[in-house]
């Protein structure tokens, strides 16, 4: 089988550079926890499975015999799959979700549903949230939610308005549009990558573009 980047099992294993310490850790590991599993692509979970079978020397056991705990809400964020990636993946998978991976099809997990809500204690609001999750919102719910909406805030106080988006590309488009509206020269700051580092794991853009007056959000605490 292949993955979104076009490599097969043998190609994946040939690219792995793993020292003895990491290999020993994976061999001794008793439990692997993957959080926010709704965002894990099917091919990524299969790649994890292939690596664990190889490193743990148990090619016939899912995840190399390692117990895996998957945690997440499937009503939240979807896996990020670009168009050209899905063109490759759809030849092997029926969909992008983790539960559509080959390893999950081979070894279906035990599903446990957690029903108690800890972050909210107002039952009326909890009921609305549950109906939103299940696509069962009624007119009264919309009236309640819209009563909290300050429609003119973005126009009267744009500097205090923050837009929450689900994907980086949407945030990038909004940031670029906001930057273009600012007057004055554009300053560019180029980051430096030391040693080996996957550019897909960058916490922010490698090249920062700023103008005087731009809003900046820190991604690390200022000590």
C-alpha atoms as a PDB file:
ATOM      1  CA  UNK A   1       0.000   0.000   0.000  1.00  0.00           C
ATOM      2  CA  UNK A   2       1.100   3.610  -0.466  1.00  0.00           C
ATOM      3  CA  UNK A   3       0.864   6.828   1.501  1.00  0.00           C
ATOM      4  CA  UNK A   4       0.014  10.418   0.658  1.00  0.00           C
ATOM      5  CA  UNK A   5       3.629  11.204  -0.224  1.00  0.00           C
ATOM      6  CA  UNK A   6       3.737   8.382  -2.745  1.00  0.00           C
ATOM      7  CA  UNK A   7       6.056   5.935  -0.964  1.00  0.00           C
ATOM      8  CA  UNK A   8       5.294   2.338  -0.077  1.00  0.00           C
ATOM      9  CA  UNK A   9       6.175   0.256   2.983  1.00  0.00           C
ATOM     10  CA  UNK A  10       9.742  -0.442   1.936  1.00  0.00           C
ATOM     11  CA  UNK A  11      10.289   3.170   0.908  1.00  0.00           C
ATOM     12  CA  UNK A  12       9.035   4.343   4.306  1.00  0.00           C
ATOM     13  CA  UNK A  13      11.320   2.009   6.258  1.00  0.00           C
ATOM     14  CA  UNK A  14      14.314   2.955   4.103  1.00  0.00           C
ATOM     15  CA  UNK A  15      13.885   6.624   5.073  1.00  0.00           C
ATOM     16  CA  UNK A  16      13.782   6.002   8.820  1.00  0.00           C
ATOM     17  CA  UNK A  17      16.869   7.068  10.747  1.00  0.00           C
ATOM     18  CA  UNK A  18      16.478   5.740  14.269  1.00  0.00           C
ATOM     19  CA  UNK A  19      19.229   5.412  16.871  1.00  0.00           C
ATOM     20  CA  UNK A  20      19.512   2.559  19.342  1.00  0.00           C
ATOM     21  CA  UNK A  21      18.002   4.609  22.178  1.00  0.00           C
ATOM     22  CA  UNK A  22      14.793   5.318  20.249  1.00  0.00           C
ATOM     23  CA  UNK A  23      14.558   1.747  19.004  1.00  0.00           C
ATOM     24  CA  UNK A  24      14.966   0.437  22.560  1.00  0.00           C
ATOM     25  CA  UNK A  25      12.269   2.835  23.752  1.00  0.00           C
ATOM     26  CA  UNK A  26       9.772   1.613  21.144  1.00  0.00           C
ATOM     27  CA  UNK A  27      10.580  -2.004  21.986  1.00  0.00           C
ATOM     28  CA  UNK A  28      10.013  -1.449  25.710  1.00  0.00           C
ATOM     29  CA  UNK A  29       6.955   0.789  25.305  1.00  0.00           C
ATOM     30  CA  UNK A  30       3.802  -0.672  26.871  1.00  0.00           C
ATOM     31  CA  UNK A  31       1.194   1.901  25.844  1.00  0.00           C
ATOM     32  CA  UNK A  32       1.039   4.456  23.025  1.00  0.00           C
ATOM     33  CA  UNK A  33      -1.514   7.273  23.465  1.00  0.00           C
ATOM     34  CA  UNK A  34      -2.593   9.261  20.393  1.00  0.00           C
ATOM     35  CA  UNK A  35      -4.694  12.299  21.304  1.00  0.00           C
ATOM     36  CA  UNK A  36      -6.973  14.291  18.946  1.00  0.00           C
ATOM     37  CA  UNK A  37      -7.187  11.202  16.750  1.00  0.00           C
ATOM     38  CA  UNK A  38      -9.896  12.784  14.572  1.00  0.00           C
ATOM     39  CA  UNK A  39      -7.102  14.768  12.887  1.00  0.00           C
ATOM     40  CA  UNK A  40      -4.880  11.727  12.219  1.00  0.00           C
ATOM     41  CA  UNK A  41      -4.968  10.713   8.572  1.00  0.00           C
ATOM     42  CA  UNK A  42      -5.543   7.080   7.653  1.00  0.00           C
ATOM     43  CA  UNK A  43      -2.138   6.725   5.969  1.00  0.00           C
ATOM     44  CA  UNK A  44      -0.345   8.287   8.942  1.00  0.00           C
ATOM     45  CA  UNK A  45      -1.789   5.666  11.299  1.00  0.00           C
ATOM     46  CA  UNK A  46      -0.796   2.936   8.864  1.00  0.00           C
ATOM     47  CA  UNK A  47       2.718   4.389   8.718  1.00  0.00           C
ATOM     48  CA  UNK A  48       2.907   4.250  12.527  1.00  0.00           C
ATOM     49  CA  UNK A  49       1.770   0.637  12.349  1.00  0.00           C
ATOM     50  CA  UNK A  50       4.437  -0.279   9.776  1.00  0.00           C
ATOM     51  CA  UNK A  51       7.244   1.326  11.798  1.00  0.00           C
ATOM     52  CA  UNK A  52       6.182  -0.326  15.069  1.00  0.00           C
ATOM     53  CA  UNK A  53       5.891  -3.775  13.468  1.00  0.00           C
ATOM     54  CA  UNK A  54       9.383  -3.358  12.048  1.00  0.00           C
ATOM     55  CA  UNK A  55      11.137  -1.914  15.109  1.00  0.00           C
ATOM     56  CA  UNK A  56       9.446  -4.260  17.580  1.00  0.00           C
ATOM     57  CA  UNK A  57      10.165  -7.233  15.287  1.00  0.00           C
ATOM     58  CA  UNK A  58       6.541  -8.419  15.335  1.00  0.00           C
ATOM     59  CA  UNK A  59       5.494  -8.079  11.689  1.00  0.00           C
ATOM     60  CA  UNK A  60       2.317 -10.131  12.114  1.00  0.00           C
ATOM     61  CA  UNK A  61       0.839  -8.106  15.007  1.00  0.00           C
ATOM     62  CA  UNK A  62      -0.927  -4.722  14.646  1.00  0.00           C
ATOM     63  CA  UNK A  63       1.319  -1.938  15.945  1.00  0.00           C
ATOM     64  CA  UNK A  64       3.952  -4.586  16.643  1.00  0.00           C
ATOM     65  CA  UNK A  65       1.937  -5.921  19.582  1.00  0.00           C
ATOM     66  CA  UNK A  66       1.896  -2.529  21.314  1.00  0.00           C
ATOM     67  CA  UNK A  67      -1.305  -1.452  23.103  1.00  0.00           C
ATOM     68  CA  UNK A  68      -2.608   1.760  21.526  1.00  0.00           C
ATOM     69  CA  UNK A  69      -5.091   4.179  23.099  1.00  0.00           C
ATOM     70  CA  UNK A  70      -6.809   6.552  20.649  1.00  0.00           C
ATOM     71  CA  UNK A  71      -8.568   9.594  22.130  1.00  0.00           C
ATOM     72  CA  UNK A  72     -10.626  12.157  20.268  1.00  0.00           C
ATOM     73  CA  UNK A  73     -13.975  13.615  19.252  1.00  0.00           C
ATOM     74  CA  UNK A  74     -14.834  12.707  15.672  1.00  0.00           C
ATOM     75  CA  UNK A  75     -17.255  15.647  15.509  1.00  0.00           C
ATOM     76  CA  UNK A  76     -14.328  18.047  15.770  1.00  0.00           C
ATOM     77  CA  UNK A  77     -11.499  18.753  13.306  1.00  0.00           C
ATOM     78  CA  UNK A  78     -11.084  16.574  10.234  1.00  0.00           C
ATOM     79  CA  UNK A  79      -7.753  15.266   8.932  1.00  0.00           C
ATOM     80  CA  UNK A  80      -5.977  17.764   6.679  1.00  0.00           C
ATOM     81  CA  UNK A  81      -5.749  16.250   3.187  1.00  0.00           C
ATOM     82  CA  UNK A  82      -4.677  18.344   0.203  1.00  0.00           C
ATOM     83  CA  UNK A  83      -6.234  17.641  -3.199  1.00  0.00           C
ATOM     84  CA  UNK A  84      -3.149  16.071  -4.750  1.00  0.00           C
ATOM     85  CA  UNK A  85      -2.646  13.914  -1.653  1.00  0.00           C
ATOM     86  CA  UNK A  86      -6.190  12.568  -1.816  1.00  0.00           C
ATOM     87  CA  UNK A  87      -5.674  11.656  -5.480  1.00  0.00           C
ATOM     88  CA  UNK A  88      -3.059   9.169  -4.257  1.00  0.00           C
ATOM     89  CA  UNK A  89      -4.819   8.092  -1.072  1.00  0.00           C
ATOM     90  CA  UNK A  90      -8.192   7.340  -2.631  1.00  0.00           C
ATOM     91  CA  UNK A  91      -6.633   4.467  -4.575  1.00  0.00           C
ATOM     92  CA  UNK A  92      -6.059   2.698  -1.231  1.00  0.00           C
ATOM     93  CA  UNK A  93      -8.569   4.191   1.203  1.00  0.00           C
ATOM     94  CA  UNK A  94     -12.322   4.787   1.315  1.00  0.00           C
ATOM     95  CA  UNK A  95     -11.844   7.976   3.343  1.00  0.00           C
ATOM     96  CA  UNK A  96      -9.223  10.030   5.212  1.00  0.00           C
ATOM     97  CA  UNK A  97     -10.164   9.186   8.818  1.00  0.00           C
ATOM     98  CA  UNK A  98      -8.018   7.057  11.124  1.00  0.00           C
ATOM     99  CA  UNK A  99     -10.744   4.384  11.352  1.00  0.00           C
ATOM    100  CA  UNK A 100     -10.457   3.923   7.575  1.00  0.00           C
ATOM    101  CA  UNK A 101      -6.810   2.871   7.894  1.00  0.00           C
ATOM    102  CA  UNK A 102      -5.752  -0.665   7.007  1.00  0.00           C
ATOM    103  CA  UNK A 103      -4.568  -1.443  10.541  1.00  0.00           C
ATOM    104  CA  UNK A 104      -7.915  -0.458  12.115  1.00  0.00           C
ATOM    105  CA  UNK A 105      -9.780  -2.501   9.521  1.00  0.00           C
ATOM    106  CA  UNK A 106      -7.556  -5.458  10.412  1.00  0.00           C
ATOM    107  CA  UNK A 107      -7.827  -5.023  14.183  1.00  0.00           C
ATOM    108  CA  UNK A 108     -10.966  -3.022  15.147  1.00  0.00           C
ATOM    109  CA  UNK A 109     -10.494  -1.319  18.535  1.00  0.00           C
ATOM    110  CA  UNK A 110     -12.747  -1.392  21.571  1.00  0.00           C
ATOM    111  CA  UNK A 111     -14.799   1.823  21.522  1.00  0.00           C
ATOM    112  CA  UNK A 112     -15.573   3.613  24.798  1.00  0.00           C
ATOM    113  CA  UNK A 113     -17.808   6.696  24.721  1.00  0.00           C
ATOM    114  CA  UNK A 114     -17.248   9.330  27.406  1.00  0.00           C
ATOM    115  CA  UNK A 115     -20.507  11.137  28.155  1.00  0.00           C
ATOM    116  CA  UNK A 116     -19.844  13.319  31.232  1.00  0.00           C
ATOM    117  CA  UNK A 117     -19.017  16.961  30.435  1.00  0.00           C
ATOM    118  CA  UNK A 118     -16.492  18.610  32.759  1.00  0.00           C
ATOM    119  CA  UNK A 119     -15.787  21.955  31.062  1.00  0.00           C
ATOM    120  CA  UNK A 120     -19.367  23.263  31.299  1.00  0.00           C
ATOM    121  CA  UNK A 121     -21.853  23.144  34.158  1.00  0.00           C
ATOM    122  CA  UNK A 122     -24.806  25.157  32.796  1.00  0.00           C
ATOM    123  CA  UNK A 123     -27.251  22.512  31.574  1.00  0.00           C
ATOM    124  CA  UNK A 124     -29.045  24.811  29.114  1.00  0.00           C
ATOM    125  CA  UNK A 125     -25.748  25.630  27.395  1.00  0.00           C
ATOM    126  CA  UNK A 126     -24.686  21.965  27.479  1.00  0.00           C
ATOM    127  CA  UNK A 127     -27.932  20.983  25.753  1.00  0.00           C
ATOM    128  CA  UNK A 128     -27.333  23.562  23.018  1.00  0.00           C
ATOM    129  CA  UNK A 129     -23.777  22.340  22.487  1.00  0.00           C
ATOM    130  CA  UNK A 130     -24.964  18.751  22.183  1.00  0.00           C
ATOM    131  CA  UNK A 131     -27.589  19.727  19.614  1.00  0.00           C
ATOM    132  CA  UNK A 132     -24.943  21.644  17.656  1.00  0.00           C
ATOM    133  CA  UNK A 133     -22.706  18.549  17.667  1.00  0.00           C
ATOM    134  CA  UNK A 134     -25.549  16.366  16.399  1.00  0.00           C
ATOM    135  CA  UNK A 135     -26.814  18.903  13.827  1.00  0.00           C
ATOM    136  CA  UNK A 136     -30.141  19.223  15.641  1.00  0.00           C
ATOM    137  CA  UNK A 137     -30.152  22.969  16.382  1.00  0.00           C
ATOM    138  CA  UNK A 138     -33.646  24.459  16.673  1.00  0.00           C
ATOM    139  CA  UNK A 139     -34.971  28.022  16.379  1.00  0.00           C
ATOM    140  CA  UNK A 140     -34.773  28.674  20.117  1.00  0.00           C
ATOM    141  CA  UNK A 141     -31.102  27.621  20.130  1.00  0.00           C
ATOM    142  CA  UNK A 142     -30.336  30.072  17.333  1.00  0.00           C
ATOM    143  CA  UNK A 143     -32.129  32.883  19.177  1.00  0.00           C
ATOM    144  CA  UNK A 144     -30.096  32.174  22.323  1.00  0.00           C
ATOM    145  CA  UNK A 145     -26.792  32.052  20.454  1.00  0.00           C
ATOM    146  CA  UNK A 146     -27.508  35.096  18.294  1.00  0.00           C
ATOM    147  CA  UNK A 147     -28.342  37.116  21.402  1.00  0.00           C
ATOM    148  CA  UNK A 148     -24.661  36.785  22.330  1.00  0.00           C
ATOM    149  CA  UNK A 149     -23.480  37.999  18.926  1.00  0.00           C
ATOM    150  CA  UNK A 150     -22.237  41.603  18.732  1.00  0.00           C
ATOM    151  CA  UNK A 151     -22.640  42.160  15.006  1.00  0.00           C
ATOM    152  CA  UNK A 152     -20.911  45.537  14.773  1.00  0.00           C
ATOM    153  CA  UNK A 153     -17.810  44.642  16.816  1.00  0.00           C
ATOM    154  CA  UNK A 154     -15.618  43.744  13.843  1.00  0.00           C
ATOM    155  CA  UNK A 155     -16.463  47.062  12.155  1.00  0.00           C
ATOM    156  CA  UNK A 156     -16.215  49.361  15.185  1.00  0.00           C
ATOM    157  CA  UNK A 157     -13.272  47.679  16.940  1.00  0.00           C
ATOM    158  CA  UNK A 158     -11.333  45.718  14.298  1.00  0.00           C
ATOM    159  CA  UNK A 159      -8.146  45.874  16.369  1.00  0.00           C
ATOM    160  CA  UNK A 160      -9.837  43.882  19.152  1.00  0.00           C
ATOM    161  CA  UNK A 161     -11.468  41.270  16.924  1.00  0.00           C
ATOM    162  CA  UNK A 162      -9.843  37.859  16.589  1.00  0.00           C
ATOM    163  CA  UNK A 163     -11.076  35.338  14.044  1.00  0.00           C
ATOM    164  CA  UNK A 164     -10.876  31.644  14.954  1.00  0.00           C
ATOM    165  CA  UNK A 165     -10.391  29.311  11.997  1.00  0.00           C
ATOM    166  CA  UNK A 166     -10.075  25.552  11.597  1.00  0.00           C
ATOM    167  CA  UNK A 167      -7.154  25.479   9.164  1.00  0.00           C
ATOM    168  CA  UNK A 168      -3.836  27.287   8.799  1.00  0.00           C
ATOM    169  CA  UNK A 169      -4.485  28.337   5.209  1.00  0.00           C
ATOM    170  CA  UNK A 170      -7.561  30.313   6.288  1.00  0.00           C
ATOM    171  CA  UNK A 171      -5.574  32.061   9.024  1.00  0.00           C
ATOM    172  CA  UNK A 172      -2.761  32.807   6.573  1.00  0.00           C
ATOM    173  CA  UNK A 173      -5.201  34.418   4.135  1.00  0.00           C
ATOM    174  CA  UNK A 174      -6.714  36.624   6.863  1.00  0.00           C
ATOM    175  CA  UNK A 175      -3.297  37.621   8.180  1.00  0.00           C
ATOM    176  CA  UNK A 176      -2.056  38.523   4.691  1.00  0.00           C
ATOM    177  CA  UNK A 177      -5.161  40.610   4.007  1.00  0.00           C
ATOM    178  CA  UNK A 178      -4.761  42.464   7.313  1.00  0.00           C
ATOM    179  CA  UNK A 179      -1.091  43.103   6.634  1.00  0.00           C
ATOM    180  CA  UNK A 180      -1.864  44.537   3.187  1.00  0.00           C
ATOM    181  CA  UNK A 181      -4.243  47.091   4.743  1.00  0.00           C
ATOM    182  CA  UNK A 182      -1.486  48.560   6.929  1.00  0.00           C
ATOM    183  CA  UNK A 183       0.498  51.490   5.569  1.00  0.00           C
ATOM    184  CA  UNK A 184       4.262  51.724   5.771  1.00  0.00           C
ATOM    185  CA  UNK A 185       7.157  49.483   4.696  1.00  0.00           C
ATOM    186  CA  UNK A 186       7.096  45.715   4.980  1.00  0.00           C
ATOM    187  CA  UNK A 187       9.836  44.169   7.134  1.00  0.00           C
ATOM    188  CA  UNK A 188      10.986  40.608   6.528  1.00  0.00           C
ATOM    189  CA  UNK A 189      12.664  38.369   9.115  1.00  0.00           C
ATOM    190  CA  UNK A 190      14.157  35.071   7.957  1.00  0.00           C
ATOM    191  CA  UNK A 191      14.309  32.169  10.388  1.00  0.00           C
ATOM    192  CA  UNK A 192      17.221  29.744  10.561  1.00  0.00           C
ATOM    193  CA  UNK A 193      16.908  25.954  10.730  1.00  0.00           C
ATOM    194  CA  UNK A 194      19.719  24.306  12.678  1.00  0.00           C
ATOM    195  CA  UNK A 195      20.685  20.698  11.928  1.00  0.00           C
ATOM    196  CA  UNK A 196      17.925  18.413  10.622  1.00  0.00           C
ATOM    197  CA  UNK A 197      14.380  19.666  11.064  1.00  0.00           C
ATOM    198  CA  UNK A 198      11.195  18.880   9.179  1.00  0.00           C
ATOM    199  CA  UNK A 199       9.843  22.136   7.762  1.00  0.00           C
ATOM    200  CA  UNK A 200       6.303  20.762   8.136  1.00  0.00           C
ATOM    201  CA  UNK A 201       6.859  20.865  11.918  1.00  0.00           C
ATOM    202  CA  UNK A 202       7.716  24.583  12.033  1.00  0.00           C
ATOM    203  CA  UNK A 203       5.718  26.330  14.806  1.00  0.00           C
ATOM    204  CA  UNK A 204       5.322  29.392  12.575  1.00  0.00           C
ATOM    205  CA  UNK A 205       6.307  30.586   9.109  1.00  0.00           C
ATOM    206  CA  UNK A 206      10.042  30.405   8.396  1.00  0.00           C
ATOM    207  CA  UNK A 207       9.876  33.927   6.967  1.00  0.00           C
ATOM    208  CA  UNK A 208       7.946  36.452   9.074  1.00  0.00           C
ATOM    209  CA  UNK A 209       6.459  39.481   7.296  1.00  0.00           C
ATOM    210  CA  UNK A 210       5.566  42.392   9.562  1.00  0.00           C
ATOM    211  CA  UNK A 211       4.591  46.045   9.436  1.00  0.00           C
ATOM    212  CA  UNK A 212       4.461  48.618  12.205  1.00  0.00           C
ATOM    213  CA  UNK A 213       1.022  48.323  13.782  1.00  0.00           C
ATOM    214  CA  UNK A 214       0.573  44.627  12.988  1.00  0.00           C
ATOM    215  CA  UNK A 215      -0.928  42.466  15.704  1.00  0.00           C
ATOM    216  CA  UNK A 216       1.459  39.771  16.931  1.00  0.00           C
ATOM    217  CA  UNK A 217       0.612  36.615  18.845  1.00  0.00           C
ATOM    218  CA  UNK A 218       3.425  34.991  20.801  1.00  0.00           C
ATOM    219  CA  UNK A 219       3.760  31.214  20.362  1.00  0.00           C
ATOM    220  CA  UNK A 220       6.106  30.945  23.334  1.00  0.00           C
ATOM    221  CA  UNK A 221       5.915  32.582  26.771  1.00  0.00           C
ATOM    222  CA  UNK A 222       8.008  35.757  27.066  1.00  0.00           C
ATOM    223  CA  UNK A 223      10.173  35.082  30.131  1.00  0.00           C
END
